[in-house]
Protein backbone atom coordinates (compact mmCIF):
# COMPACT_ATOMS: atom_id res chain seq x y z
CA MET A 1 33.39 116.39 82.38
CA LEU A 2 34.70 118.01 85.42
CA PRO A 3 32.85 118.75 88.66
CA LEU A 4 33.00 122.28 89.91
CA ARG A 5 34.41 121.26 93.22
CA ARG A 6 37.38 119.61 91.58
CA PHE A 7 38.44 122.33 89.09
CA PRO A 8 41.05 124.61 90.77
CA SER A 9 40.93 127.08 87.87
CA LEU A 10 37.29 127.89 88.63
CA THR A 11 38.43 129.92 91.64
CA ARG A 12 38.87 132.52 88.95
CA ALA A 13 35.39 132.01 87.67
CA VAL A 14 33.15 134.92 86.78
CA THR A 15 29.49 135.32 85.93
CA ARG A 16 27.80 134.92 82.59
CA LEU A 17 28.34 138.74 82.20
CA SER A 18 32.12 138.21 82.53
CA VAL A 19 32.69 139.10 78.93
CA VAL A 20 30.84 142.39 79.36
CA ALA A 21 32.72 143.12 82.61
CA LEU A 22 36.02 142.49 80.92
CA ALA A 23 35.11 144.60 77.96
CA LEU A 24 34.41 147.43 80.43
CA GLY A 25 38.02 147.02 81.66
CA ALA A 26 37.70 144.71 84.67
CA VAL A 27 40.83 142.92 85.49
CA ILE A 28 40.96 139.09 85.90
CA ALA A 29 43.90 136.78 86.50
CA GLY A 30 45.31 135.32 83.33
CA ALA A 31 43.57 137.64 80.89
CA ALA A 32 44.42 141.07 79.52
CA ALA A 33 41.64 143.64 79.68
CA PRO A 34 40.95 145.46 76.35
CA ALA A 35 42.55 148.71 75.76
CA ASN A 36 39.38 150.27 74.38
CA ALA A 37 35.82 149.16 74.94
CA ALA A 38 34.52 150.32 71.54
CA GLY A 39 35.79 151.81 68.30
CA LEU A 40 37.49 148.53 67.45
CA THR A 41 38.17 147.12 64.02
CA LEU A 42 38.19 143.37 63.10
CA THR A 43 40.10 142.96 59.77
CA VAL A 44 39.38 140.19 57.35
CA ASP A 45 41.89 139.51 54.51
CA VAL A 46 40.17 137.47 51.83
CA GLY A 47 43.47 136.87 50.06
CA ASP A 48 45.31 135.34 53.00
CA VAL A 49 44.42 131.66 53.30
CA VAL A 50 44.78 129.99 56.65
CA ARG A 51 43.48 126.48 55.89
CA PRO A 52 40.58 124.72 54.16
CA ALA A 53 37.21 125.18 55.92
CA THR A 54 36.49 122.05 57.89
CA GLN A 55 34.50 123.40 60.94
CA VAL A 56 37.34 122.61 63.36
CA ALA A 57 35.27 123.60 66.44
CA SER A 58 32.01 121.92 65.46
CA GLY A 59 32.15 118.90 67.71
CA GLY A 60 30.86 117.88 71.02
CA LEU A 61 31.40 115.57 74.05
CA TYR A 62 28.23 113.39 74.50
CA GLY A 63 26.72 115.81 71.94
CA VAL A 64 24.61 113.05 70.34
CA GLY A 65 22.31 111.01 72.59
CA SER A 66 20.91 108.45 70.26
CA ASP A 67 20.19 107.63 66.66
CA SER A 68 17.57 110.36 66.66
CA GLN A 69 18.61 112.83 69.39
CA PRO A 70 19.47 115.18 67.74
CA THR A 71 18.09 113.95 64.42
CA THR A 72 20.39 113.75 61.48
CA ALA A 73 18.29 116.53 59.93
CA MET A 74 19.10 118.71 62.91
CA LEU A 75 22.83 117.94 62.70
CA LEU A 76 23.44 118.37 59.02
CA PRO A 77 23.13 122.21 58.77
CA LEU A 78 25.89 122.41 61.48
CA ASN A 79 28.27 120.41 59.42
CA PRO A 80 29.75 118.68 62.53
CA THR A 81 33.30 117.40 62.35
CA SER A 82 33.53 114.90 65.15
CA PHE A 83 32.35 113.91 68.62
CA THR A 84 33.66 112.12 71.74
CA GLN A 85 31.13 109.42 72.76
CA PRO A 86 31.19 106.88 75.56
CA ALA A 87 32.41 103.32 75.21
CA PRO A 88 30.28 100.47 73.78
CA GLY A 89 28.30 98.99 76.59
CA THR A 90 28.62 102.22 78.69
CA THR A 91 27.11 102.25 82.09
CA HIS A 92 28.09 105.85 82.68
CA LEU A 93 25.66 108.23 84.41
CA GLY A 94 26.96 111.66 83.60
CA ASN A 95 25.76 114.96 85.08
CA GLY A 96 22.96 113.47 87.12
CA ALA A 97 21.56 111.16 84.29
CA THR A 98 19.37 108.21 85.59
CA GLU A 99 20.30 105.90 82.76
CA PRO A 100 23.27 105.48 80.47
CA CYS A 101 23.17 107.09 77.07
CA CYS A 102 25.18 107.95 74.00
CA ASP A 103 26.90 104.58 73.38
CA SER A 104 29.36 105.26 70.51
CA LEU A 105 28.10 102.23 68.48
CA HIS A 106 24.47 103.07 69.03
CA VAL A 107 24.84 106.72 67.81
CA GLY A 108 27.41 105.91 65.13
CA ASP A 109 25.05 105.69 62.15
CA ASN A 110 23.53 109.02 63.05
CA LEU A 111 26.97 110.54 63.00
CA ILE A 112 27.91 108.91 59.73
CA ARG A 113 24.79 110.30 58.09
CA SER A 114 25.71 113.80 59.33
CA GLY A 115 29.31 113.51 58.05
CA ALA A 116 30.98 113.27 61.54
CA GLN A 117 33.51 111.01 63.09
CA GLN A 118 34.05 110.07 66.81
CA PHE A 119 36.54 109.20 69.45
CA ILE A 120 35.50 106.46 71.85
CA ARG A 121 36.05 107.41 75.51
CA MET A 122 36.95 104.10 77.08
CA PRO A 123 36.87 104.86 80.85
CA ASP A 124 33.14 105.88 80.48
CA ILE A 125 32.41 102.19 80.67
CA TYR A 126 32.38 102.90 84.51
CA PRO A 127 29.08 104.21 85.89
CA SER A 128 30.39 107.10 88.10
CA PHE A 129 32.63 110.12 87.71
CA PRO A 130 35.27 110.36 88.99
CA TYR A 131 35.83 106.74 87.98
CA VAL A 132 36.13 103.98 90.60
CA TRP A 133 38.97 101.76 89.92
CA ARG A 134 38.25 98.03 90.32
CA GLY A 135 41.66 96.58 89.54
CA TRP A 136 43.72 95.76 86.49
CA ALA A 137 41.97 92.51 85.79
CA ASP A 138 38.58 94.23 85.64
CA TRP A 139 39.85 97.09 83.48
CA GLU A 140 41.72 94.80 80.96
CA SER A 141 38.58 92.66 80.71
CA LYS A 142 36.52 95.75 79.94
CA VAL A 143 39.09 96.94 77.39
CA ARG A 144 38.83 93.63 75.54
CA THR A 145 35.03 93.66 75.59
CA MET A 146 34.94 97.22 74.26
CA VAL A 147 37.36 96.71 71.46
CA ASN A 148 35.81 93.42 70.38
CA ALA A 149 32.42 95.04 70.31
CA ARG A 150 33.70 97.76 67.96
CA LEU A 151 35.46 95.20 65.78
CA ALA A 152 32.18 93.35 65.39
CA GLU A 153 30.51 96.43 63.90
CA THR A 154 31.83 95.95 60.39
CA ASP A 155 29.63 98.79 59.02
CA MET A 156 30.90 101.42 61.44
CA THR A 157 33.34 103.55 59.49
CA ASN A 158 33.61 106.62 61.62
CA ILE A 159 35.68 105.54 64.75
CA HIS A 160 38.83 107.50 64.46
CA GLY A 161 40.30 107.13 67.88
CA TRP A 162 40.40 105.19 71.19
CA GLU A 163 40.63 107.63 74.06
CA LEU A 164 42.32 105.44 76.68
CA TRP A 165 41.52 107.58 79.68
CA ASN A 166 39.90 110.91 80.63
CA GLU A 167 41.55 113.62 82.80
CA PRO A 168 44.06 111.28 84.42
CA ASP A 169 45.65 114.22 86.32
CA TRP A 170 42.94 113.73 88.92
CA THR A 171 40.84 110.64 87.98
CA TRP A 172 43.63 108.05 87.74
CA ASN A 173 43.96 106.03 91.05
CA THR A 174 47.70 106.04 91.42
CA SER A 175 47.65 104.35 94.82
CA GLN A 176 45.86 101.31 93.40
CA ALA A 177 46.67 101.31 89.66
CA GLY A 178 50.26 102.61 89.77
CA SER A 179 51.54 105.69 87.85
CA PHE A 180 49.44 106.93 85.04
CA ASN A 181 52.36 106.86 82.57
CA ALA A 182 52.82 103.17 83.24
CA GLY A 183 49.12 102.58 83.11
CA TRP A 184 48.94 104.33 79.74
CA GLU A 185 51.69 102.14 78.40
CA ARG A 186 49.95 98.96 79.58
CA THR A 187 46.49 99.95 78.24
CA TYR A 188 47.98 101.24 74.96
CA LYS A 189 49.75 97.91 74.35
CA LEU A 190 46.65 95.93 75.14
CA VAL A 191 44.43 98.01 72.78
CA ASP A 192 47.08 97.95 70.10
CA SER A 193 47.37 94.16 70.28
CA LEU A 194 43.59 93.88 69.70
CA ASP A 195 43.17 96.74 67.17
CA PRO A 196 46.45 97.84 65.61
CA VAL A 197 44.67 99.96 63.07
CA THR A 198 42.44 102.51 64.86
CA PRO A 199 44.40 105.55 66.19
CA ILE A 200 44.97 105.94 69.93
CA VAL A 201 44.43 109.37 71.43
CA GLY A 202 45.46 111.02 74.70
CA PRO A 203 46.62 111.78 77.31
CA SER A 204 43.42 113.92 77.79
CA TRP A 205 44.59 116.04 80.72
CA SER A 206 41.93 118.27 82.23
CA TYR A 207 44.15 121.20 81.41
CA TYR A 208 47.42 121.88 79.66
CA ASP A 209 50.57 121.59 81.80
CA HIS A 210 54.13 121.57 80.56
CA ASP A 211 55.61 119.28 83.22
CA LEU A 212 52.81 116.67 82.91
CA MET A 213 53.10 116.72 79.16
CA LEU A 214 56.92 116.48 79.11
CA SER A 215 56.85 113.55 81.61
CA PHE A 216 54.13 111.75 79.68
CA MET A 217 55.59 112.28 76.26
CA THR A 218 59.11 111.19 77.41
CA HIS A 219 57.68 107.96 78.82
CA ALA A 220 55.51 107.36 75.74
CA ARG A 221 58.53 107.89 73.42
CA ASN A 222 60.70 105.57 75.41
CA THR A 223 58.03 102.82 75.39
CA ASN A 224 56.87 103.31 71.79
CA THR A 225 53.37 104.32 73.01
CA VAL A 226 53.09 107.90 71.69
CA PRO A 227 49.49 108.83 70.91
CA ASP A 228 48.47 109.14 67.32
CA VAL A 229 46.48 112.24 68.20
CA MET A 230 47.29 114.60 71.05
CA VAL A 231 44.30 115.41 73.25
CA TRP A 232 43.91 117.73 76.21
CA HIS A 233 41.01 119.94 77.56
CA GLU A 234 40.55 123.60 77.62
CA LEU A 235 37.93 124.29 80.26
CA THR A 236 38.98 127.47 82.08
CA ASP A 237 37.16 130.85 81.68
CA MET A 238 38.74 132.76 78.87
CA ASP A 239 41.57 130.22 78.40
CA TRP A 240 41.33 130.92 74.64
CA ASN A 241 43.89 133.65 75.49
CA ASN A 242 46.48 130.88 76.29
CA PHE A 243 45.64 128.31 73.56
CA ASP A 244 48.44 129.56 71.25
CA ASP A 245 50.93 129.25 74.06
CA HIS A 246 49.77 125.72 74.83
CA VAL A 247 50.18 124.67 71.25
CA ALA A 248 53.61 126.25 70.98
CA ASP A 249 54.73 124.59 74.17
CA TYR A 250 53.55 121.14 73.07
CA ARG A 251 55.20 121.49 69.69
CA ALA A 252 58.48 122.43 71.44
CA ILE A 253 58.24 119.20 73.44
CA GLU A 254 57.77 117.19 70.27
CA ARG A 255 60.87 118.81 68.84
CA GLN A 256 62.79 118.26 72.03
CA LEU A 257 62.01 114.59 72.11
CA GLY A 258 62.39 114.02 68.33
CA ILE A 259 58.64 113.09 67.91
CA SER A 260 57.01 113.79 64.63
CA PRO A 261 54.16 116.32 64.81
CA ARG A 262 50.82 114.89 65.94
CA PRO A 263 47.39 116.35 65.21
CA ILE A 264 45.89 118.24 68.12
CA ALA A 265 42.34 117.59 69.25
CA ILE A 266 40.68 119.56 72.09
CA ASN A 267 37.82 117.17 72.93
CA GLU A 268 36.39 119.36 75.71
CA TYR A 269 36.37 123.07 75.42
CA ASN A 270 34.65 126.05 77.16
CA SER A 271 34.00 126.65 80.79
CA LEU A 272 30.95 125.86 82.98
CA ASN A 273 30.25 129.61 83.48
CA GLN A 274 30.60 130.58 79.85
CA MET A 275 29.30 127.58 77.94
CA ASP A 276 26.10 129.25 76.72
CA ILE A 277 27.54 132.59 75.71
CA PRO A 278 27.81 132.70 71.86
CA SER A 279 30.59 135.24 71.75
CA VAL A 280 32.80 133.00 74.06
CA ALA A 281 32.26 130.02 71.71
CA LEU A 282 33.35 132.39 68.89
CA HIS A 283 36.61 133.11 70.66
CA TRP A 284 37.33 129.43 70.92
CA MET A 285 36.48 128.94 67.21
CA ALA A 286 38.84 131.68 66.26
CA VAL A 287 41.85 130.39 68.18
CA PHE A 288 41.34 126.79 67.16
CA GLU A 289 41.27 127.80 63.52
CA ARG A 290 44.13 130.17 63.89
CA HIS A 291 46.52 128.01 65.85
CA GLY A 292 46.18 124.64 64.22
CA ALA A 293 43.78 122.34 66.08
CA ARG A 294 42.44 119.57 63.93
CA GLU A 295 39.14 119.23 65.83
CA ALA A 296 37.50 120.45 69.01
CA HIS A 297 34.44 119.33 70.99
CA ARG A 298 32.14 121.47 73.05
CA ALA A 299 32.22 120.38 76.75
CA TYR A 300 29.63 118.31 78.42
CA TRP A 301 28.60 120.24 81.48
CA PHE A 302 24.82 119.67 81.36
CA GLU A 303 22.44 117.53 79.34
CA ALA A 304 23.61 114.89 76.92
CA GLY A 305 22.20 114.69 73.41
CA THR A 306 21.71 118.46 72.96
CA PHE A 307 24.95 119.06 71.12
CA ASP A 308 26.08 120.52 74.42
CA GLY A 309 23.47 123.31 74.47
CA LEU A 310 23.04 124.06 70.78
CA PHE A 311 19.52 122.64 71.18
CA THR A 312 17.04 122.96 74.07
CA LEU A 313 15.63 119.84 75.80
CA GLN A 314 12.63 120.39 73.44
CA ASN A 315 14.86 120.16 70.37
CA GLN A 316 14.64 123.86 69.56
CA PRO A 317 17.73 125.89 68.44
CA THR A 318 19.37 128.15 70.98
CA ALA A 319 21.19 131.37 70.38
CA SER A 320 24.50 129.47 70.14
CA TYR A 321 23.03 127.19 67.47
CA TRP A 322 22.88 130.11 64.98
CA LEU A 323 26.54 130.87 65.50
CA TYR A 324 27.42 127.26 64.80
CA ARG A 325 25.04 127.18 61.81
CA TRP A 326 26.78 130.20 60.32
CA TYR A 327 30.08 128.53 60.99
CA GLY A 328 28.81 125.26 59.47
CA ALA A 329 28.01 127.12 56.26
CA MET A 330 31.67 128.09 55.75
CA THR A 331 33.08 126.64 52.54
CA GLY A 332 36.20 127.17 50.53
CA ASN A 333 39.02 128.43 52.75
CA ILE A 334 39.29 129.94 56.24
CA VAL A 335 40.98 133.27 55.67
CA GLU A 336 43.02 135.56 58.01
CA THR A 337 41.22 137.64 60.62
CA THR A 338 43.12 140.11 62.81
CA PRO A 339 41.42 140.69 66.19
CA ASP A 340 41.28 144.08 67.92
CA SER A 341 41.25 143.71 71.74
CA TRP A 342 38.14 141.51 72.45
CA LEU A 343 36.67 141.84 68.99
CA ASP A 344 37.49 138.67 67.15
CA GLY A 345 36.07 136.36 64.47
CA VAL A 346 36.39 133.55 61.88
CA ALA A 347 35.94 134.18 58.14
CA SER A 348 35.77 132.04 55.04
CA TYR A 349 35.92 132.72 51.29
CA ASP A 350 34.23 130.47 48.77
CA SER A 351 35.75 131.43 45.42
CA SER A 352 33.20 129.29 43.47
CA ARG A 353 30.31 131.42 44.58
CA LYS A 354 32.15 134.62 45.71
CA ILE A 355 30.93 134.54 49.27
CA VAL A 356 32.80 135.94 52.22
CA ASN A 357 31.21 134.60 55.42
CA THR A 358 32.48 136.18 58.68
CA VAL A 359 31.23 135.31 62.20
CA PHE A 360 32.47 137.73 64.92
CA GLY A 361 31.73 139.33 68.32
CA GLY A 362 33.25 139.74 71.76
CA ASP A 363 32.93 143.40 72.57
CA TYR A 364 30.26 146.03 73.00
CA GLY A 365 29.51 149.40 71.45
CA ASN A 366 30.15 150.80 67.94
CA ASN A 367 32.80 148.77 66.04
CA THR A 368 33.83 147.98 62.53
CA VAL A 369 34.58 144.98 60.35
CA ARG A 370 36.98 145.74 57.52
CA VAL A 371 37.07 143.29 54.68
CA THR A 372 39.96 143.43 52.19
CA GLY A 373 40.82 141.47 49.11
CA LEU A 374 37.55 142.11 47.33
CA GLY A 375 38.98 143.34 44.02
CA SER A 376 37.32 140.59 42.04
CA PHE A 377 33.88 141.37 43.44
CA GLY A 378 33.33 144.51 41.41
CA SER A 379 32.84 148.12 42.33
CA GLN A 380 29.93 147.35 44.63
CA VAL A 381 29.00 144.51 47.00
CA ARG A 382 25.94 143.24 48.82
CA VAL A 383 26.47 143.27 52.63
CA GLN A 384 24.18 141.40 55.02
CA LEU A 385 24.52 141.71 58.83
CA LEU A 386 22.80 139.40 61.28
CA SER A 387 22.90 138.72 64.99
CA THR A 388 22.11 136.08 67.56
CA PRO A 389 21.63 137.05 71.19
CA GLY A 390 23.50 136.04 74.33
CA SER A 391 20.69 133.83 75.78
CA GLY A 392 21.55 130.36 77.20
CA ARG A 393 20.67 126.77 76.47
CA HIS A 394 17.07 126.85 77.83
CA THR A 395 15.96 129.72 75.59
CA ALA A 396 14.74 128.88 72.10
CA VAL A 397 15.84 131.31 69.35
CA THR A 398 13.79 130.48 66.29
CA ALA A 399 15.87 132.56 63.89
CA PRO A 400 18.68 135.05 63.85
CA THR A 401 17.95 138.73 63.57
CA THR A 402 18.68 140.51 60.37
CA ILE A 403 20.22 143.85 61.25
CA SER A 404 20.73 145.24 57.75
CA THR A 405 21.06 144.41 54.10
CA THR A 406 22.89 147.08 52.18
CA THR A 407 24.95 147.82 49.10
CA MET A 408 28.40 149.25 49.63
CA THR A 409 31.06 150.62 47.39
CA VAL A 410 34.41 148.82 47.24
CA SER A 411 37.37 151.18 47.57
CA ASN A 412 40.91 149.73 46.78
CA GLY A 413 39.44 146.23 47.17
CA ALA A 414 38.05 146.88 50.64
CA ILE A 415 34.95 147.82 52.60
CA SER A 416 34.52 148.91 56.18
CA VAL A 417 31.21 147.87 57.70
CA PRO A 418 30.03 149.67 60.82
CA VAL A 419 28.45 147.43 63.47
CA ASN A 420 26.79 149.64 66.02
CA ASN A 421 25.38 148.87 69.43
CA MET A 422 27.14 145.53 69.67
CA ASP A 423 26.30 143.26 72.65
CA ALA A 424 29.40 141.60 74.01
CA GLU A 425 27.68 138.34 74.66
CA ALA A 426 25.94 138.11 71.26
CA ALA A 427 27.48 136.77 67.98
CA TYR A 428 27.19 138.32 64.52
CA GLN A 429 27.42 137.20 60.95
CA LEU A 430 28.57 139.41 58.07
CA VAL A 431 28.02 138.00 54.51
CA VAL A 432 29.59 139.79 51.56
CA THR A 433 28.83 138.85 47.95
CA PRO A 434 28.82 140.64 44.59
CA VAL A 435 26.02 143.18 44.39
CA ASN A 436 23.65 140.77 42.67
CA GLY A 437 24.36 138.07 45.25
CA PRO A 438 26.31 134.78 44.95
CA THR A 439 27.38 133.71 41.48
CA THR A 440 25.11 130.64 41.75
CA SER A 441 21.76 130.43 43.63
CA TRP A 442 22.84 127.24 45.40
CA GLN A 443 26.23 125.63 46.10
CA GLN A 444 27.28 123.52 43.15
CA VAL A 445 31.02 123.07 43.69
CA TYR A 446 32.02 120.92 46.64
CA GLU A 447 35.77 120.84 47.50
CA ALA A 448 37.00 117.41 48.72
CA GLU A 449 39.10 118.98 51.47
CA ASN A 450 36.04 120.71 53.01
CA ASN A 451 34.21 117.45 53.41
CA THR A 452 34.60 114.28 55.50
CA VAL A 453 38.00 112.80 54.60
CA VAL A 454 38.53 109.37 56.06
CA ASN A 455 41.97 107.63 55.98
CA ALA A 456 43.25 109.97 53.37
CA GLU A 457 45.26 113.28 53.50
CA THR A 458 44.76 116.92 52.29
CA PHE A 459 47.52 118.51 50.28
CA GLY A 460 48.13 121.95 48.91
CA SER A 461 48.56 122.62 45.18
CA GLY A 462 48.30 125.53 42.89
CA ASN A 463 46.70 123.15 40.36
CA ALA A 464 43.79 122.38 42.66
CA SER A 465 40.56 124.43 42.30
CA ASN A 466 40.70 125.83 45.83
CA GLY A 467 44.36 125.43 46.44
CA PHE A 468 43.92 122.00 48.11
CA TYR A 469 42.99 118.48 47.18
CA VAL A 470 42.71 115.04 48.85
CA GLY A 471 45.17 112.29 48.12
CA ARG A 472 46.45 108.98 49.50
CA ILE A 473 42.89 107.49 49.19
CA ASP A 474 44.62 104.21 49.29
CA ASN A 475 43.02 101.64 51.65
CA ASP A 476 40.32 99.11 51.25
CA THR A 477 41.04 96.46 53.93
CA ASP A 478 38.16 96.89 56.42
CA MET A 479 35.94 99.47 58.10
CA ARG A 480 38.78 100.76 60.30
CA SER A 481 41.14 101.62 57.46
CA ASP A 482 38.89 102.13 54.34
CA SER A 483 39.69 105.32 52.49
CA PHE A 484 36.85 107.57 51.19
CA VAL A 485 35.48 111.04 50.99
CA ASP A 486 31.87 111.80 52.02
CA PHE A 487 30.56 114.90 50.25
CA THR A 488 27.56 116.45 52.05
CA VAL A 489 25.59 118.36 49.39
CA ASN A 490 22.41 120.39 49.56
CA VAL A 491 20.35 120.58 46.50
CA PRO A 492 17.11 122.55 45.70
CA LEU A 493 15.14 119.79 43.92
CA ALA A 494 14.71 116.09 43.81
CA ARG A 495 15.97 115.02 40.36
CA ALA A 496 18.87 113.64 38.37
CA TYR A 497 22.05 115.74 38.54
CA THR A 498 25.17 115.60 36.39
CA MET A 499 28.12 115.20 38.75
CA THR A 500 31.53 116.21 37.47
CA ILE A 501 34.42 114.79 39.42
CA ARG A 502 37.76 116.53 39.15
CA TYR A 503 40.51 114.02 39.88
CA ALA A 504 44.12 113.06 39.26
CA ASN A 505 45.40 109.64 38.38
CA GLY A 506 49.19 109.30 37.93
CA THR A 507 49.26 105.50 37.70
CA GLY A 508 49.28 105.37 33.97
CA ALA A 509 46.24 103.10 33.84
CA THR A 510 42.51 103.54 34.50
CA SER A 511 41.67 103.57 38.21
CA THR A 512 38.32 103.14 39.90
CA HIS A 513 36.31 104.34 42.99
CA GLY A 514 33.04 103.17 44.32
CA LEU A 515 30.17 105.59 44.31
CA ALA A 516 27.17 105.45 46.57
CA TYR A 517 24.77 108.05 48.06
CA ASN A 518 21.94 108.03 50.52
CA GLY A 519 22.11 104.33 51.02
CA SER A 520 22.04 103.48 47.32
CA ALA A 521 23.75 100.47 45.75
CA TRP A 522 27.40 100.84 44.75
CA SER A 523 28.41 101.80 41.24
CA THR A 524 31.87 102.25 39.81
CA VAL A 525 33.54 105.47 38.65
CA SER A 526 36.42 105.16 36.20
CA TYR A 527 39.32 107.61 36.16
CA PRO A 528 41.44 107.54 33.03
CA PRO A 529 45.10 108.43 33.47
CA THR A 530 46.06 112.15 33.82
CA SER A 531 49.49 113.61 33.17
CA GLY A 532 50.57 112.99 36.73
CA TRP A 533 49.64 113.18 40.41
CA GLY A 534 48.15 116.61 41.21
CA GLN A 535 47.39 117.04 37.53
CA PHE A 536 43.64 117.13 37.19
CA SER A 537 41.00 116.08 34.70
CA THR A 538 37.30 115.42 34.91
CA VAL A 539 34.71 112.67 34.45
CA GLN A 540 30.94 112.87 34.69
CA VAL A 541 28.37 110.63 36.21
CA THR A 542 24.60 110.95 36.96
CA VAL A 543 23.24 110.89 40.52
CA ASN A 544 19.63 110.93 41.53
CA LEU A 545 19.37 113.08 44.61
CA LYS A 546 16.54 114.11 47.00
CA ALA A 547 15.80 117.72 47.73
CA GLY A 548 17.89 119.00 50.59
CA TYR A 549 20.81 117.23 52.08
CA ASN A 550 22.51 114.21 50.55
CA VAL A 551 25.72 112.35 51.42
CA ILE A 552 27.80 111.21 48.42
CA ARG A 553 30.70 108.76 49.04
CA LEU A 554 33.60 108.24 46.63
CA ALA A 555 35.57 105.34 48.10
CA LYS A 556 38.67 103.26 47.51
CA GLY A 557 37.21 101.00 50.21
CA SER A 558 33.93 100.92 52.15
CA PRO A 559 31.58 98.30 53.67
CA HIS A 560 29.70 96.25 51.12
CA PHE A 561 32.04 97.49 48.34
CA SER A 562 34.68 95.11 47.01
CA GLY A 563 37.27 97.92 46.63
CA GLY A 564 38.53 100.16 43.88
CA THR A 565 41.40 99.57 41.57
CA GLY A 566 44.53 101.63 41.29
CA TYR A 567 44.62 105.02 42.89
CA ALA A 568 43.10 108.48 42.36
CA GLU A 569 43.15 111.89 44.05
CA LEU A 570 40.00 114.09 44.41
CA ASP A 571 39.90 117.84 43.93
CA ASN A 572 36.18 118.52 43.92
CA ILE A 573 32.71 117.58 42.60
CA THR A 574 30.30 119.90 40.69
CA LEU A 575 26.60 119.33 40.57
CA ALA A 576 24.57 120.72 37.62
């Protein structure tokens, strides 16, 4: 959150039509105007893998207002990754609210059911913004209360970071509290003494600044208080142009100081003026995927509990919702996209169903999407093109518009799809499959690395079905450190399904995981030894699933489960 009056960069602000103006060649400080306004080509290379599809940009600040706002059913198709929510016992009244909302512990079950994790924003225990400092004794008492409240929630498995402060570059009261760097150290050590398990994230500057970051990281290194996850905000109009530079600068600081690389989380992104423009959100998606953010959260400029404008106040989808729904459907791997001027996009390839899913936009006129690497699709492919308009958060859009469904001939493994009369504020989806459609009518293979991985790690391997698998699923101590993978699956019928688990077990003895789904009782899955770590075999179990979305957990440790034995790695599950 950042009031307009306090955001110096907004002196460069432009109207909601800024993208169109820029596409027409208008010049704005800090951004390069496109060389051409139309006749552009976005290139998608299906064979060039960027990373597993994990919906990096599908998160929000104050995006979830309660256990039912938005409902879990509304969240699931968006496949959200994570959120930043206010502290337990929050009294915060953000953006003109008349009563507090969105307490991290109150919304936690809703997020778990939707497959999302969350950071807890600790200073939002205060009612106003900017925060009113009440002294160290008051702050440290609040910190103890917040941490102890979280520790008492022994079923809450999705807290993956304490955010110690928010936008300290202008909300920290230096005159009364001392320097922020010293305050960070003091608060870090208090939180760590109470909860040495949960990661600590920060410094959460309102913008990226080299000097601020270097000073902070030097002090943090010298006092052994380096954040586990690096957080800053990207809130300036069109600052997606600079995100790669910010990442490169931060990584250089790590190397300079001898600090091991930290994950990067942007837990507020997009500007006040451009928040509701689908193509602008698309630009952010593209740079976050391309330049290595682990997660990113839509900014909270307006109403809480609407996923930051993906839903209207009447719980109807907005234009931006459809962009995020297309993005949420990405499975398999994110593949390389090469932008052309303001035309950019994100693309995925699911090899199990042979689907290339591209979301794109950002310019006007007649342009082209060229998709390469389609040699395995056959001589012809089915191409579907859809759009969602540039309308804002108060306009319901009940469905995207289907522009065309055609059959195209593949030439040298590629197709070039014309997209005419583009609107620079709108977003578009291009879906390419074999001519008869996907190889299965519904998704049956679910890669572990695409799903919710908690206290474990993703690794690359040529032996893995999608080039990646999840390992180090090692912990079963308590809700803060339990290791598991939650698979969100969507099945057509309520019935029993055979679930094949592709796993590796290099222990030399049988290992076990717990299995539960949709609140069911725990059962045990046994994994006989395989020829080594990263060497996969399969076991089968039966699961009784409801029609639609289901969450299946395979766990080394989890609440109400006594813990698995030995160790196992997970490649994927297949439902049949």
